[in-house]
Amino acid sequence: MKLIGLAVSLTCCAGFIDAQEANEPQERQQQEKHLPREVLNPEKVATQMTEQMNKLLQLTDKQYKKIYKLNLKEQKAFFKAMQNSDDYRPPMGEGPGMRGGRPPMGGGQPPMVSRAEWEVVR
């Protein structure tokens, strides 16, 4: 009888320890979600892109500088376009042709019915 009680106790303790270990990754994920995101700017993105290209292609210094300038130019244009696009973007569901609600199911097409079903409906 004592042996059974001991076995039950050990099993409960093992399950409790297992449950605690399973919660640790979830706690870490929750902490990571609350960390502030790094604010990107064109210079950082261009540097990251150029560094990645340098690792893959083993660029010379001259090539690195030219590609960095090109990436920086593209990223500045991209960031400028993103900043300007916020001015024109209507809220979701309020654009041209939108009725503010969900689109009809089936994409506005009539439902597909078999010939036998059509005869019953007619």
PDB file of N, CA and C in Angstrom:
ATOM      1  N   MET A   1       0.819  -1.187   0.000  1.00  0.00           N
ATOM      2  CA  MET A   1       0.000   0.000   0.000  1.00  0.00           C
ATOM      3  C   MET A   1       0.867   1.258   0.000  1.00  0.00           C
ATOM      4  N   LYS A   2       1.915   1.238   0.822  1.00  0.00           N
ATOM      5  CA  LYS A   2       2.830   2.376   0.853  1.00  0.00           C
ATOM      6  C   LYS A   2       3.522   2.538  -0.493  1.00  0.00           C
ATOM      7  N   LEU A   3       3.802   1.410  -1.129  1.00  0.00           N
ATOM      8  CA  LEU A   3       4.479   1.429  -2.418  1.00  0.00           C
ATOM      9  C   LEU A   3       3.605   2.104  -3.486  1.00  0.00           C
ATOM     10  N   ILE A   4       2.329   1.822  -3.452  1.00  0.00           N
ATOM     11  CA  ILE A   4       1.406   2.432  -4.409  1.00  0.00           C
ATOM     12  C   ILE A   4       1.322   3.939  -4.161  1.00  0.00           C
ATOM     13  N   GLY A   5       1.235   4.329  -2.922  1.00  0.00           N
ATOM     14  CA  GLY A   5       1.182   5.752  -2.565  1.00  0.00           C
ATOM     15  C   GLY A   5       2.436   6.482  -3.006  1.00  0.00           C
ATOM     16  N   LEU A   6       3.595   5.816  -2.821  1.00  0.00           N
ATOM     17  CA  LEU A   6       4.860   6.410  -3.244  1.00  0.00           C
ATOM     18  C   LEU A   6       4.906   6.574  -4.763  1.00  0.00           C
ATOM     19  N   ALA A   7       4.435   5.560  -5.481  1.00  0.00           N
ATOM     20  CA  ALA A   7       4.423   5.620  -6.944  1.00  0.00           C
ATOM     21  C   ALA A   7       3.507   6.747  -7.430  1.00  0.00           C
ATOM     22  N   VAL A   8       2.349   6.917  -6.820  1.00  0.00           N
ATOM     23  CA  VAL A   8       1.420   7.973  -7.201  1.00  0.00           C
ATOM     24  C   VAL A   8       2.040   9.339  -6.915  1.00  0.00           C
ATOM     25  N   SER A   9       2.703   9.475  -5.780  1.00  0.00           N
ATOM     26  CA  SER A   9       3.339  10.743  -5.420  1.00  0.00           C
ATOM     27  C   SER A   9       4.428  11.110  -6.409  1.00  0.00           C
ATOM     28  N   LEU A  10       5.264  10.151  -6.763  1.00  0.00           N
ATOM     29  CA  LEU A  10       6.343  10.408  -7.712  1.00  0.00           C
ATOM     30  C   LEU A  10       5.798  10.782  -9.083  1.00  0.00           C
ATOM     31  N   THR A  11       4.732  10.123  -9.497  1.00  0.00           N
ATOM     32  CA  THR A  11       4.132  10.421 -10.793  1.00  0.00           C
ATOM     33  C   THR A  11       3.566  11.846 -10.809  1.00  0.00           C
ATOM     34  N   CYS A  12       2.917  12.237  -9.729  1.00  0.00           N
ATOM     35  CA  CYS A  12       2.375  13.603  -9.648  1.00  0.00           C
ATOM     36  C   CYS A  12       3.486  14.639  -9.668  1.00  0.00           C
ATOM     37  N   CYS A  13       4.576  14.377  -8.947  1.00  0.00           N
ATOM     38  CA  CYS A  13       5.702  15.313  -8.916  1.00  0.00           C
ATOM     39  C   CYS A  13       6.338  15.436 -10.295  1.00  0.00           C
ATOM     40  N   ALA A  14       6.487  14.312 -10.979  1.00  0.00           N
ATOM     41  CA  ALA A  14       7.097  14.332 -12.311  1.00  0.00           C
ATOM     42  C   ALA A  14       6.217  15.123 -13.277  1.00  0.00           C
ATOM     43  N   GLY A  15       4.909  14.960 -13.184  1.00  0.00           N
ATOM     44  CA  GLY A  15       3.997  15.712 -14.052  1.00  0.00           C
ATOM     45  C   GLY A  15       4.030  17.196 -13.749  1.00  0.00           C
ATOM     46  N   PHE A  16       4.159  17.548 -12.461  1.00  0.00           N
ATOM     47  CA  PHE A  16       4.224  18.951 -12.068  1.00  0.00           C
ATOM     48  C   PHE A  16       5.499  19.603 -12.595  1.00  0.00           C
ATOM     49  N   ILE A  17       6.619  18.903 -12.516  1.00  0.00           N
ATOM     50  CA  ILE A  17       7.900  19.423 -13.015  1.00  0.00           C
ATOM     51  C   ILE A  17       7.842  19.581 -14.530  1.00  0.00           C
ATOM     52  N   ASP A  18       7.248  18.603 -15.202  1.00  0.00           N
ATOM     53  CA  ASP A  18       7.098  18.671 -16.658  1.00  0.00           C
ATOM     54  C   ASP A  18       6.269  19.881 -17.069  1.00  0.00           C
ATOM     55  N   ALA A  19       5.207  20.150 -16.336  1.00  0.00           N
ATOM     56  CA  ALA A  19       4.341  21.276 -16.653  1.00  0.00           C
ATOM     57  C   ALA A  19       5.079  22.605 -16.478  1.00  0.00           C
ATOM     58  N   GLN A  20       5.918  22.702 -15.449  1.00  0.00           N
ATOM     59  CA  GLN A  20       6.682  23.924 -15.227  1.00  0.00           C
ATOM     60  C   GLN A  20       7.686  24.155 -16.350  1.00  0.00           C
ATOM     61  N   GLU A  21       8.346  23.091 -16.806  1.00  0.00           N
ATOM     62  CA  GLU A  21       9.321  23.219 -17.888  1.00  0.00           C
ATOM     63  C   GLU A  21       8.632  23.610 -19.191  1.00  0.00           C
ATOM     64  N   ALA A  22       7.421  23.151 -19.411  1.00  0.00           N
ATOM     65  CA  ALA A  22       6.694  23.482 -20.635  1.00  0.00           C
ATOM     66  C   ALA A  22       6.301  24.959 -20.648  1.00  0.00           C
ATOM     67  N   ASN A  23       6.103  25.567 -19.481  1.00  0.00           N
ATOM     68  CA  ASN A  23       5.701  26.976 -19.415  1.00  0.00           C
ATOM     69  C   ASN A  23       6.861  27.926 -19.651  1.00  0.00           C
ATOM     70  N   GLU A  24       8.088  27.494 -19.436  1.00  0.00           N
ATOM     71  CA  GLU A  24       9.239  28.382 -19.588  1.00  0.00           C
ATOM     72  C   GLU A  24       9.369  28.956 -20.998  1.00  0.00           C
ATOM     73  N   PRO A  25       9.273  28.151 -22.077  1.00  0.00           N
ATOM     74  CA  PRO A  25       9.364  28.752 -23.416  1.00  0.00           C
ATOM     75  C   PRO A  25       8.240  29.751 -23.678  1.00  0.00           C
ATOM     76  N   GLN A  26       7.050  29.494 -23.164  1.00  0.00           N
ATOM     77  CA  GLN A  26       5.942  30.426 -23.362  1.00  0.00           C
ATOM     78  C   GLN A  26       6.234  31.748 -22.668  1.00  0.00           C
ATOM     79  N   GLU A  27       6.825  31.684 -21.470  1.00  0.00           N
ATOM     80  CA  GLU A  27       7.157  32.912 -20.750  1.00  0.00           C
ATOM     81  C   GLU A  27       8.197  33.712 -21.519  1.00  0.00           C
ATOM     82  N   ARG A  28       9.192  33.017 -22.092  1.00  0.00           N
ATOM     83  CA  ARG A  28      10.220  33.704 -22.875  1.00  0.00           C
ATOM     84  C   ARG A  28       9.610  34.378 -24.096  1.00  0.00           C
ATOM     85  N   GLN A  29       8.696  33.676 -24.763  1.00  0.00           N
ATOM     86  CA  GLN A  29       8.049  34.252 -25.945  1.00  0.00           C
ATOM     87  C   GLN A  29       7.245  35.489 -25.570  1.00  0.00           C
ATOM     88  N   GLN A  30       6.566  35.451 -24.436  1.00  0.00           N
ATOM     89  CA  GLN A  30       5.782  36.607 -24.009  1.00  0.00           C
ATOM     90  C   GLN A  30       6.698  37.782 -23.697  1.00  0.00           C
ATOM     91  N   GLN A  31       7.862  37.512 -23.072  1.00  0.00           N
ATOM     92  CA  GLN A  31       8.799  38.580 -22.773  1.00  0.00           C
ATOM     93  C   GLN A  31       9.361  39.181 -24.053  1.00  0.00           C
ATOM     94  N   GLU A  32       9.656  38.330 -25.046  1.00  0.00           N
ATOM     95  CA  GLU A  32      10.198  38.820 -26.312  1.00  0.00           C
ATOM     96  C   GLU A  32       9.168  39.676 -27.052  1.00  0.00           C
ATOM     97  N   LYS A  33       7.893  39.360 -26.913  1.00  0.00           N
ATOM     98  CA  LYS A  33       6.853  40.137 -27.582  1.00  0.00           C
ATOM     99  C   LYS A  33       6.788  41.555 -27.025  1.00  0.00           C
ATOM    100  N   HIS A  34       7.116  41.720 -25.757  1.00  0.00           N
ATOM    101  CA  HIS A  34       7.012  43.029 -25.125  1.00  0.00           C
ATOM    102  C   HIS A  34       8.242  43.896 -25.359  1.00  0.00           C
ATOM    103  N   LEU A  35       9.310  43.322 -25.924  1.00  0.00           N
ATOM    104  CA  LEU A  35      10.499  44.116 -26.189  1.00  0.00           C
ATOM    105  C   LEU A  35      10.211  45.090 -27.326  1.00  0.00           C
ATOM    106  N   PRO A  36      10.743  46.291 -27.236  1.00  0.00           N
ATOM    107  CA  PRO A  36      10.497  47.247 -28.326  1.00  0.00           C
ATOM    108  C   PRO A  36      11.203  46.804 -29.593  1.00  0.00           C
ATOM    109  N   ARG A  37      10.554  47.038 -30.710  1.00  0.00           N
ATOM    110  CA  ARG A  37      11.141  46.694 -32.002  1.00  0.00           C
ATOM    111  C   ARG A  37      12.161  47.734 -32.400  1.00  0.00           C
ATOM    112  N   GLU A  38      13.155  47.276 -33.141  1.00  0.00           N
ATOM    113  CA  GLU A  38      14.165  48.194 -33.647  1.00  0.00           C
ATOM    114  C   GLU A  38      13.547  49.032 -34.761  1.00  0.00           C
ATOM    115  N   VAL A  39      13.759  50.323 -34.688  1.00  0.00           N
ATOM    116  CA  VAL A  39      13.230  51.223 -35.703  1.00  0.00           C
ATOM    117  C   VAL A  39      14.197  51.215 -36.885  1.00  0.00           C
ATOM    118  N   LEU A  40      13.687  50.831 -38.036  1.00  0.00           N
ATOM    119  CA  LEU A  40      14.533  50.753 -39.213  1.00  0.00           C
ATOM    120  C   LEU A  40      14.599  52.105 -39.909  1.00  0.00           C
ATOM    121  N   ASN A  41      15.743  52.355 -40.505  1.00  0.00           N
ATOM    122  CA  ASN A  41      15.907  53.535 -41.335  1.00  0.00           C
ATOM    123  C   ASN A  41      16.636  53.099 -42.603  1.00  0.00           C
ATOM    124  N   PRO A  42      16.655  53.913 -43.634  1.00  0.00           N
ATOM    125  CA  PRO A  42      17.253  53.502 -44.908  1.00  0.00           C
ATOM    126  C   PRO A  42      18.722  53.092 -44.781  1.00  0.00           C
ATOM    127  N   GLU A  43      19.472  53.780 -43.915  1.00  0.00           N
ATOM    128  CA  GLU A  43      20.898  53.468 -43.764  1.00  0.00           C
ATOM    129  C   GLU A  43      21.100  52.077 -43.175  1.00  0.00           C
ATOM    130  N   LYS A  44      20.303  51.727 -42.145  1.00  0.00           N
ATOM    131  CA  LYS A  44      20.432  50.403 -41.529  1.00  0.00           C
ATOM    132  C   LYS A  44      20.067  49.307 -42.514  1.00  0.00           C
ATOM    133  N   VAL A  45      18.971  49.510 -43.233  1.00  0.00           N
ATOM    134  CA  VAL A  45      18.516  48.490 -44.183  1.00  0.00           C
ATOM    135  C   VAL A  45      19.537  48.329 -45.307  1.00  0.00           C
ATOM    136  N   ALA A  46      20.050  49.437 -45.825  1.00  0.00           N
ATOM    137  CA  ALA A  46      21.042  49.369 -46.900  1.00  0.00           C
ATOM    138  C   ALA A  46      22.308  48.665 -46.415  1.00  0.00           C
ATOM    139  N   THR A  47      22.722  48.942 -45.188  1.00  0.00           N
ATOM    140  CA  THR A  47      23.907  48.284 -44.633  1.00  0.00           C
ATOM    141  C   THR A  47      23.677  46.790 -44.496  1.00  0.00           C
ATOM    142  N   GLN A  48      22.509  46.397 -43.973  1.00  0.00           N
ATOM    143  CA  GLN A  48      22.202  44.977 -43.814  1.00  0.00           C
ATOM    144  C   GLN A  48      22.180  44.271 -45.167  1.00  0.00           C
ATOM    145  N   MET A  49      21.544  44.893 -46.152  1.00  0.00           N
ATOM    146  CA  MET A  49      21.469  44.285 -47.486  1.00  0.00           C
ATOM    147  C   MET A  49      22.860  44.123 -48.082  1.00  0.00           C
ATOM    148  N   THR A  50      23.680  45.158 -47.955  1.00  0.00           N
ATOM    149  CA  THR A  50      25.015  45.129 -48.539  1.00  0.00           C
ATOM    150  C   THR A  50      25.890  44.108 -47.823  1.00  0.00           C
ATOM    151  N   GLU A  51      25.768  44.018 -46.507  1.00  0.00           N
ATOM    152  CA  GLU A  51      26.536  43.027 -45.747  1.00  0.00           C
ATOM    153  C   GLU A  51      26.164  41.613 -46.177  1.00  0.00           C
ATOM    154  N   GLN A  52      24.882  41.377 -46.375  1.00  0.00           N
ATOM    155  CA  GLN A  52      24.426  40.053 -46.808  1.00  0.00           C
ATOM    156  C   GLN A  52      24.990  39.732 -48.201  1.00  0.00           C
ATOM    157  N   MET A  53      24.958  40.704 -49.089  1.00  0.00           N
ATOM    158  CA  MET A  53      25.513  40.498 -50.430  1.00  0.00           C
ATOM    159  C   MET A  53      27.021  40.253 -50.355  1.00  0.00           C
ATOM    160  N   ASN A  54      27.677  40.962 -49.449  1.00  0.00           N
ATOM    161  CA  ASN A  54      29.119  40.806 -49.295  1.00  0.00           C
ATOM    162  C   ASN A  54      29.470  39.394 -48.830  1.00  0.00           C
ATOM    163  N   LYS A  55      28.656  38.852 -47.907  1.00  0.00           N
ATOM    164  CA  LYS A  55      28.902  37.489 -47.430  1.00  0.00           C
ATOM    165  C   LYS A  55      28.737  36.475 -48.560  1.00  0.00           C
ATOM    166  N   LEU A  56      27.685  36.676 -49.367  1.00  0.00           N
ATOM    167  CA  LEU A  56      27.399  35.715 -50.433  1.00  0.00           C
ATOM    168  C   LEU A  56      28.353  35.854 -51.620  1.00  0.00           C
ATOM    169  N   LEU A  57      28.698  37.087 -51.967  1.00  0.00           N
ATOM    170  CA  LEU A  57      29.426  37.324 -53.213  1.00  0.00           C
ATOM    171  C   LEU A  57      30.905  37.691 -53.021  1.00  0.00           C
ATOM    172  N   GLN A  58      31.317  37.921 -51.767  1.00  0.00           N
ATOM    173  CA  GLN A  58      32.702  38.296 -51.466  1.00  0.00           C
ATOM    174  C   GLN A  58      33.135  39.489 -52.325  1.00  0.00           C
ATOM    175  N   LEU A  59      32.489  40.606 -52.093  1.00  0.00           N
ATOM    176  CA  LEU A  59      32.700  41.817 -52.885  1.00  0.00           C
ATOM    177  C   LEU A  59      34.038  42.470 -52.552  1.00  0.00           C
ATOM    178  N   THR A  60      34.577  43.181 -53.530  1.00  0.00           N
ATOM    179  CA  THR A  60      35.753  44.013 -53.272  1.00  0.00           C
ATOM    180  C   THR A  60      35.268  45.293 -52.589  1.00  0.00           C
ATOM    181  N   ASP A  61      36.191  46.080 -52.069  1.00  0.00           N
ATOM    182  CA  ASP A  61      35.813  47.325 -51.405  1.00  0.00           C
ATOM    183  C   ASP A  61      35.109  48.276 -52.367  1.00  0.00           C
ATOM    184  N   LYS A  62      35.592  48.326 -53.592  1.00  0.00           N
ATOM    185  CA  LYS A  62      34.992  49.211 -54.588  1.00  0.00           C
ATOM    186  C   LYS A  62      33.555  48.767 -54.899  1.00  0.00           C
ATOM    187  N   GLN A  63      33.364  47.453 -55.083  1.00  0.00           N
ATOM    188  CA  GLN A  63      32.032  46.917 -55.354  1.00  0.00           C
ATOM    189  C   GLN A  63      31.108  47.163 -54.161  1.00  0.00           C
ATOM    190  N   TYR A  64      31.640  46.960 -52.956  1.00  0.00           N
ATOM    191  CA  TYR A  64      30.856  47.152 -51.739  1.00  0.00           C
ATOM    192  C   TYR A  64      30.328  48.581 -51.663  1.00  0.00           C
ATOM    193  N   LYS A  65      31.203  49.541 -51.912  1.00  0.00           N
ATOM    194  CA  LYS A  65      30.806  50.951 -51.831  1.00  0.00           C
ATOM    195  C   LYS A  65      29.748  51.298 -52.868  1.00  0.00           C
ATOM    196  N   LYS A  66      29.920  50.794 -54.100  1.00  0.00           N
ATOM    197  CA  LYS A  66      28.948  51.081 -55.151  1.00  0.00           C
ATOM    198  C   LYS A  66      27.586  50.460 -54.830  1.00  0.00           C
ATOM    199  N   ILE A  67      27.610  49.226 -54.374  1.00  0.00           N
ATOM    200  CA  ILE A  67      26.353  48.540 -54.068  1.00  0.00           C
ATOM    201  C   ILE A  67      25.680  49.191 -52.868  1.00  0.00           C
ATOM    202  N   TYR A  68      26.482  49.631 -51.875  1.00  0.00           N
ATOM    203  CA  TYR A  68      25.895  50.313 -50.724  1.00  0.00           C
ATOM    204  C   TYR A  68      25.199  51.597 -51.162  1.00  0.00           C
ATOM    205  N   LYS A  69      25.839  52.351 -52.032  1.00  0.00           N
ATOM    206  CA  LYS A  69      25.229  53.598 -52.520  1.00  0.00           C
ATOM    207  C   LYS A  69      23.923  53.305 -53.255  1.00  0.00           C
ATOM    208  N   LEU A  70      23.933  52.264 -54.086  1.00  0.00           N
ATOM    209  CA  LEU A  70      22.734  51.891 -54.830  1.00  0.00           C
ATOM    210  C   LEU A  70      21.621  51.449 -53.872  1.00  0.00           C
ATOM    211  N   ASN A  71      21.969  50.585 -52.909  1.00  0.00           N
ATOM    212  CA  ASN A  71      20.976  50.125 -51.933  1.00  0.00           C
ATOM    213  C   ASN A  71      20.430  51.289 -51.115  1.00  0.00           C
ATOM    214  N   LEU A  72      21.308  52.207 -50.732  1.00  0.00           N
ATOM    215  CA  LEU A  72      20.876  53.356 -49.939  1.00  0.00           C
ATOM    216  C   LEU A  72      19.909  54.233 -50.744  1.00  0.00           C
ATOM    217  N   LYS A  73      20.223  54.440 -52.009  1.00  0.00           N
ATOM    218  CA  LYS A  73      19.346  55.245 -52.872  1.00  0.00           C
ATOM    219  C   LYS A  73      17.968  54.592 -52.988  1.00  0.00           C
ATOM    220  N   GLU A  74      17.954  53.266 -53.206  1.00  0.00           N
ATOM    221  CA  GLU A  74      16.688  52.544 -53.336  1.00  0.00           C
ATOM    222  C   GLU A  74      15.896  52.581 -52.033  1.00  0.00           C
ATOM    223  N   GLN A  75      16.583  52.397 -50.910  1.00  0.00           N
ATOM    224  CA  GLN A  75      15.885  52.390 -49.623  1.00  0.00           C
ATOM    225  C   GLN A  75      15.327  53.758 -49.266  1.00  0.00           C
ATOM    226  N   LYS A  76      16.068  54.817 -49.596  1.00  0.00           N
ATOM    227  CA  LYS A  76      15.552  56.163 -49.338  1.00  0.00           C
ATOM    228  C   LYS A  76      14.289  56.410 -50.150  1.00  0.00           C
ATOM    229  N   ALA A  77      14.301  55.977 -51.403  1.00  0.00           N
ATOM    230  CA  ALA A  77      13.115  56.131 -52.251  1.00  0.00           C
ATOM    231  C   ALA A  77      11.959  55.298 -51.703  1.00  0.00           C
ATOM    232  N   PHE A  78      12.263  54.097 -51.247  1.00  0.00           N
ATOM    233  CA  PHE A  78      11.236  53.213 -50.695  1.00  0.00           C
ATOM    234  C   PHE A  78      10.627  53.819 -49.429  1.00  0.00           C
ATOM    235  N   PHE A  79      11.469  54.301 -48.520  1.00  0.00           N
ATOM    236  CA  PHE A  79      10.975  54.891 -47.277  1.00  0.00           C
ATOM    237  C   PHE A  79      10.149  56.140 -47.558  1.00  0.00           C
ATOM    238  N   LYS A  80      10.587  56.936 -48.523  1.00  0.00           N
ATOM    239  CA  LYS A  80       9.838  58.144 -48.874  1.00  0.00           C
ATOM    240  C   LYS A  80       8.466  57.772 -49.439  1.00  0.00           C
ATOM    241  N   ALA A  81       8.441  56.750 -50.297  1.00  0.00           N
ATOM    242  CA  ALA A  81       7.170  56.297 -50.866  1.00  0.00           C
ATOM    243  C   ALA A  81       6.246  55.756 -49.779  1.00  0.00           C
ATOM    244  N   MET A  82       6.807  55.050 -48.817  1.00  0.00           N
ATOM    245  CA  MET A  82       5.989  54.503 -47.729  1.00  0.00           C
ATOM    246  C   MET A  82       5.410  55.626 -46.867  1.00  0.00           C
ATOM    247  N   GLN A  83       6.185  56.652 -46.622  1.00  0.00           N
ATOM    248  CA  GLN A  83       5.691  57.778 -45.827  1.00  0.00           C
ATOM    249  C   GLN A  83       4.586  58.519 -46.573  1.00  0.00           C
ATOM    250  N   ASN A  84       4.742  58.688 -47.869  1.00  0.00           N
ATOM    251  CA  ASN A  84       3.747  59.407 -48.663  1.00  0.00           C
ATOM    252  C   ASN A  84       2.496  58.574 -48.900  1.00  0.00           C
ATOM    253  N   SER A  85       2.625  57.255 -48.914  1.00  0.00           N
ATOM    254  CA  SER A  85       1.472  56.412 -49.214  1.00  0.00           C
ATOM    255  C   SER A  85       0.455  56.425 -48.088  1.00  0.00           C
ATOM    256  N   ASP A  86       0.854  56.759 -46.878  1.00  0.00           N
ATOM    257  CA  ASP A  86      -0.091  56.807 -45.763  1.00  0.00           C
ATOM    258  C   ASP A  86      -1.132  57.902 -45.961  1.00  0.00           C
ATOM    259  N   ASP A  87      -0.762  58.957 -46.698  1.00  0.00           N
ATOM    260  CA  ASP A  87      -1.689  60.064 -46.903  1.00  0.00           C
ATOM    261  C   ASP A  87      -2.884  59.655 -47.755  1.00  0.00           C
ATOM    262  N   TYR A  88      -2.680  58.781 -48.729  1.00  0.00           N
ATOM    263  CA  TYR A  88      -3.728  58.446 -49.683  1.00  0.00           C
ATOM    264  C   TYR A  88      -4.533  57.224 -49.285  1.00  0.00           C
ATOM    265  N   ARG A  89      -4.027  56.413 -48.427  1.00  0.00           N
ATOM    266  CA  ARG A  89      -4.645  55.115 -48.149  1.00  0.00           C
ATOM    267  C   ARG A  89      -5.940  55.298 -47.365  1.00  0.00           C
ATOM    268  N   PRO A  90      -7.086  54.892 -47.942  1.00  0.00           N
ATOM    269  CA  PRO A  90      -8.344  54.993 -47.193  1.00  0.00           C
ATOM    270  C   PRO A  90      -8.405  53.869 -46.156  1.00  0.00           C
ATOM    271  N   PRO A  91      -9.166  54.055 -45.096  1.00  0.00           N
ATOM    272  CA  PRO A  91      -9.330  52.976 -44.128  1.00  0.00           C
ATOM    273  C   PRO A  91      -9.929  51.747 -44.798  1.00  0.00           C
ATOM    274  N   MET A  92      -9.693  50.608 -44.217  1.00  0.00           N
ATOM    275  CA  MET A  92     -10.180  49.365 -44.809  1.00  0.00           C
ATOM    276  C   MET A  92     -11.695  49.394 -44.941  1.00  0.00           C
ATOM    277  N   GLY A  93     -12.179  48.978 -46.072  1.00  0.00           N
ATOM    278  CA  GLY A  93     -13.611  48.903 -46.316  1.00  0.00           C
ATOM    279  C   GLY A  93     -14.226  50.197 -46.798  1.00  0.00           C
ATOM    280  N   GLU A  94     -13.405  51.217 -47.038  1.00  0.00           N
ATOM    281  CA  GLU A  94     -13.958  52.486 -47.481  1.00  0.00           C
ATOM    282  C   GLU A  94     -13.371  52.939 -48.811  1.00  0.00           C
ATOM    283  N   GLY A  95     -12.729  52.053 -49.531  1.00  0.00           N
ATOM    284  CA  GLY A  95     -12.142  52.412 -50.804  1.00  0.00           C
ATOM    285  C   GLY A  95     -13.185  52.468 -51.902  1.00  0.00           C
ATOM    286  N   PRO A  96     -12.766  52.824 -53.117  1.00  0.00           N
ATOM    287  CA  PRO A  96     -13.720  52.868 -54.216  1.00  0.00           C
ATOM    288  C   PRO A  96     -14.289  51.484 -54.499  1.00  0.00           C
ATOM    289  N   GLY A  97     -15.596  51.419 -54.639  1.00  0.00           N
ATOM    290  CA  GLY A  97     -16.235  50.137 -54.932  1.00  0.00           C
ATOM    291  C   GLY A  97     -16.522  49.300 -53.706  1.00  0.00           C
ATOM    292  N   MET A  98     -16.153  49.776 -52.552  1.00  0.00           N
ATOM    293  CA  MET A  98     -16.392  49.009 -51.329  1.00  0.00           C
ATOM    294  C   MET A  98     -17.689  49.486 -50.695  1.00  0.00           C
ATOM    295  N   ARG A  99     -18.371  48.560 -50.086  1.00  0.00           N
ATOM    296  CA  ARG A  99     -19.628  48.910 -49.429  1.00  0.00           C
ATOM    297  C   ARG A  99     -19.460  48.951 -47.914  1.00  0.00           C
ATOM    298  N   GLY A 100     -18.246  48.820 -47.450  1.00  0.00           N
ATOM    299  CA  GLY A 100     -17.991  48.911 -46.025  1.00  0.00           C
ATOM    300  C   GLY A 100     -18.163  47.602 -45.281  1.00  0.00           C
ATOM    301  N   GLY A 101     -18.732  46.589 -45.896  1.00  0.00           N
ATOM    302  CA  GLY A 101     -18.941  45.321 -45.226  1.00  0.00           C
ATOM    303  C   GLY A 101     -18.061  44.237 -45.809  1.00  0.00           C
ATOM    304  N   ARG A 102     -18.376  43.041 -45.472  1.00  0.00           N
ATOM    305  CA  ARG A 102     -17.627  41.913 -46.001  1.00  0.00           C
ATOM    306  C   ARG A 102     -18.084  41.627 -47.428  1.00  0.00           C
ATOM    307  N   PRO A 103     -17.195  41.112 -48.257  1.00  0.00           N
ATOM    308  CA  PRO A 103     -17.617  40.773 -49.622  1.00  0.00           C
ATOM    309  C   PRO A 103     -18.563  39.579 -49.588  1.00  0.00           C
ATOM    310  N   PRO A 104     -19.406  39.449 -50.590  1.00  0.00           N
ATOM    311  CA  PRO A 104     -20.336  38.326 -50.583  1.00  0.00           C
ATOM    312  C   PRO A 104     -19.584  37.010 -50.710  1.00  0.00           C
ATOM    313  N   MET A 105     -20.110  36.000 -50.063  1.00  0.00           N
ATOM    314  CA  MET A 105     -19.478  34.684 -50.154  1.00  0.00           C
ATOM    315  C   MET A 105     -19.623  34.170 -51.575  1.00  0.00           C
ATOM    316  N   GLY A 106     -18.602  33.547 -52.072  1.00  0.00           N
ATOM    317  CA  GLY A 106     -18.634  33.038 -53.432  1.00  0.00           C
ATOM    318  C   GLY A 106     -18.193  34.072 -54.435  1.00  0.00           C
ATOM    319  N   GLY A 107     -17.717  35.209 -53.970  1.00  0.00           N
ATOM    320  CA  GLY A 107     -17.205  36.231 -54.864  1.00  0.00           C
ATOM    321  C   GLY A 107     -18.257  36.873 -55.739  1.00  0.00           C
ATOM    322  N   GLY A 108     -19.521  36.825 -55.348  1.00  0.00           N
ATOM    323  CA  GLY A 108     -20.580  37.451 -56.130  1.00  0.00           C
ATOM    324  C   GLY A 108     -21.078  36.577 -57.262  1.00  0.00           C
ATOM    325  N   GLN A 109     -20.554  35.379 -57.381  1.00  0.00           N
ATOM    326  CA  GLN A 109     -20.986  34.458 -58.423  1.00  0.00           C
ATOM    327  C   GLN A 109     -22.193  33.665 -57.933  1.00  0.00           C
ATOM    328  N   PRO A 110     -23.085  33.266 -58.839  1.00  0.00           N
ATOM    329  CA  PRO A 110     -24.221  32.437 -58.406  1.00  0.00           C
ATOM    330  C   PRO A 110     -23.697  31.070 -57.958  1.00  0.00           C
ATOM    331  N   PRO A 111     -24.390  30.435 -57.027  1.00  0.00           N
ATOM    332  CA  PRO A 111     -23.921  29.145 -56.539  1.00  0.00           C
ATOM    333  C   PRO A 111     -23.993  28.091 -57.637  1.00  0.00           C
ATOM    334  N   MET A 112     -23.072  27.151 -57.594  1.00  0.00           N
ATOM    335  CA  MET A 112     -23.036  26.071 -58.580  1.00  0.00           C
ATOM    336  C   MET A 112     -24.070  25.020 -58.166  1.00  0.00           C
ATOM    337  N   VAL A 113     -24.934  24.636 -59.088  1.00  0.00           N
ATOM    338  CA  VAL A 113     -25.928  23.602 -58.820  1.00  0.00           C
ATOM    339  C   VAL A 113     -25.885  22.592 -59.956  1.00  0.00           C
ATOM    340  N   SER A 114     -26.216  21.384 -59.630  1.00  0.00           N
ATOM    341  CA  SER A 114     -26.243  20.341 -60.658  1.00  0.00           C
ATOM    342  C   SER A 114     -27.511  20.495 -61.490  1.00  0.00           C
ATOM    343  N   ARG A 115     -27.533  19.807 -62.615  1.00  0.00           N
ATOM    344  CA  ARG A 115     -28.691  19.879 -63.502  1.00  0.00           C
ATOM    345  C   ARG A 115     -29.950  19.372 -62.790  1.00  0.00           C
ATOM    346  N   ALA A 116     -29.824  18.341 -61.986  1.00  0.00           N
ATOM    347  CA  ALA A 116     -30.987  17.788 -61.270  1.00  0.00           C
ATOM    348  C   ALA A 116     -31.508  18.795 -60.263  1.00  0.00           C
ATOM    349  N   GLU A 117     -30.593  19.466 -59.555  1.00  0.00           N
ATOM    350  CA  GLU A 117     -31.027  20.481 -58.586  1.00  0.00           C
ATOM    351  C   GLU A 117     -31.681  21.665 -59.287  1.00  0.00           C
ATOM    352  N   TRP A 118     -31.153  22.010 -60.454  1.00  0.00           N
ATOM    353  CA  TRP A 118     -31.712  23.129 -61.212  1.00  0.00           C
ATOM    354  C   TRP A 118     -33.136  22.846 -61.644  1.00  0.00           C
ATOM    355  N   GLU A 119     -33.393  21.599 -62.017  1.00  0.00           N
ATOM    356  CA  GLU A 119     -34.743  21.211 -62.440  1.00  0.00           C
ATOM    357  C   GLU A 119     -35.715  21.324 -61.276  1.00  0.00           C
ATOM    358  N   VAL A 120     -35.249  20.982 -60.069  1.00  0.00           N
ATOM    359  CA  VAL A 120     -36.109  21.082 -58.893  1.00  0.00           C
ATOM    360  C   VAL A 120     -36.400  22.533 -58.574  1.00  0.00           C
ATOM    361  N   VAL A 121     -35.402  23.389 -58.701  1.00  0.00           N
ATOM    362  CA  VAL A 121     -35.539  24.807 -58.378  1.00  0.00           C
ATOM    363  C   VAL A 121     -36.460  25.499 -59.364  1.00  0.00           C
ATOM    364  N   ARG A 122     -36.371  25.141 -60.648  1.00  0.00           N
ATOM    365  CA  ARG A 122     -37.185  25.764 -61.688  1.00  0.00           C
ATOM    366  C   ARG A 122     -38.567  25.344 -61.520  1.00  0.00           C
TER     367      ARG A 122
END
